[in-house]
């Protein structure tokens, strides 16, 4: 498997904004759509991977909504 070329969260606006949102949302987490809208980013799964590479624990749970669509919710795990 290849190596990720992750940005430094301290120097990346997109990583910092997503990390701040996940910290603010706490245990509720944030869906892909919420992250895209609030942080003005795309490729949320890649951002989560970059944050993981920087040492943050990001969980992602997927559920099926009422219309049969998949909804991914990302959550920052603190102190585990």
Protein backbone atom coordinates (compact mmCIF):
# COMPACT_ATOMS: atom_id res chain seq x y z
CA UNK A 1 0.00 0.00 0.00
CA UNK A 2 1.23 3.53 -0.79
CA UNK A 3 2.17 6.33 1.54
CA UNK A 4 -0.11 9.30 2.08
CA UNK A 5 1.44 12.73 1.50
CA UNK A 6 -0.51 14.43 4.27
CA UNK A 7 -0.51 18.16 4.87
CA UNK A 8 0.38 19.56 8.27
CA UNK A 9 -2.87 20.54 10.05
CA UNK A 10 -1.13 23.57 11.59
CA UNK A 11 -0.35 24.91 8.10
CA UNK A 12 -3.46 23.81 6.22
CA UNK A 13 -6.66 25.87 6.30
CA UNK A 14 -8.79 22.96 5.12
CA UNK A 15 -7.45 20.53 7.72
CA UNK A 16 -7.64 23.12 10.50
CA UNK A 17 -11.22 24.08 9.63
CA UNK A 18 -12.40 20.45 9.59
CA UNK A 19 -10.57 19.67 12.83
CA UNK A 20 -12.15 22.70 14.53
CA UNK A 21 -15.62 21.70 13.33
CA UNK A 22 -15.19 18.15 14.59
CA UNK A 23 -13.96 19.47 17.95
CA UNK A 24 -16.97 21.79 18.17
CA UNK A 25 -19.46 19.05 17.25
CA UNK A 26 -18.06 16.63 19.85
CA UNK A 27 -19.79 13.27 20.10
CA UNK A 28 -22.42 14.30 17.53
CA UNK A 29 -19.78 14.42 14.83
CA UNK A 30 -20.47 15.95 11.43
CA UNK A 31 -21.74 14.44 8.21
CA UNK A 32 -19.87 14.74 4.93
CA UNK A 33 -22.42 17.28 3.74
CA UNK A 34 -22.09 19.38 6.92
CA UNK A 35 -18.30 19.41 6.63
CA UNK A 36 -18.41 20.41 2.97
CA UNK A 37 -20.89 23.21 3.63
CA UNK A 38 -19.38 24.65 6.83
CA UNK A 39 -15.70 24.27 5.94
CA UNK A 40 -15.97 24.88 2.18
CA UNK A 41 -13.93 21.78 1.36
CA UNK A 42 -14.29 18.66 -0.75
CA UNK A 43 -12.89 15.12 -0.50
CA UNK A 44 -13.81 14.79 3.17
CA UNK A 45 -12.60 11.18 3.30
CA UNK A 46 -9.14 12.33 2.18
CA UNK A 47 -9.10 15.08 4.80
CA UNK A 48 -9.99 12.50 7.46
CA UNK A 49 -7.07 10.35 6.25
CA UNK A 50 -4.69 13.30 6.44
CA UNK A 51 -5.84 14.10 9.98
CA UNK A 52 -5.33 10.45 10.94
CA UNK A 53 -1.81 10.57 9.47
CA UNK A 54 -1.15 13.59 11.71
CA UNK A 55 -2.10 11.54 14.78
CA UNK A 56 -5.78 12.44 15.24
CA UNK A 57 -8.28 9.66 15.76
CA UNK A 58 -11.20 10.17 13.40
CA UNK A 59 -14.04 7.65 13.41
CA UNK A 60 -16.47 7.35 10.54
CA UNK A 61 -19.84 5.63 10.78
CA UNK A 62 -22.12 5.13 7.81
CA UNK A 63 -25.89 4.79 8.01
CA UNK A 64 -28.68 4.53 5.48
CA UNK A 65 -31.10 7.48 5.44
CA UNK A 66 -34.86 7.37 4.82
CA UNK A 67 -34.33 7.58 1.05
CA UNK A 68 -31.85 4.72 0.98
CA UNK A 69 -28.79 6.96 0.64
CA UNK A 70 -25.60 6.49 2.61
CA UNK A 71 -24.70 9.15 5.16
CA UNK A 72 -21.17 9.19 6.61
CA UNK A 73 -20.64 10.87 9.98
CA UNK A 74 -17.12 11.74 11.09
CA UNK A 75 -16.21 12.16 14.76
CA UNK A 76 -13.01 13.20 16.49
CA UNK A 77 -12.20 10.78 19.30
CA UNK A 78 -10.51 12.57 22.21
CA UNK A 79 -8.75 10.91 25.10
CA UNK A 80 -9.21 7.32 24.02
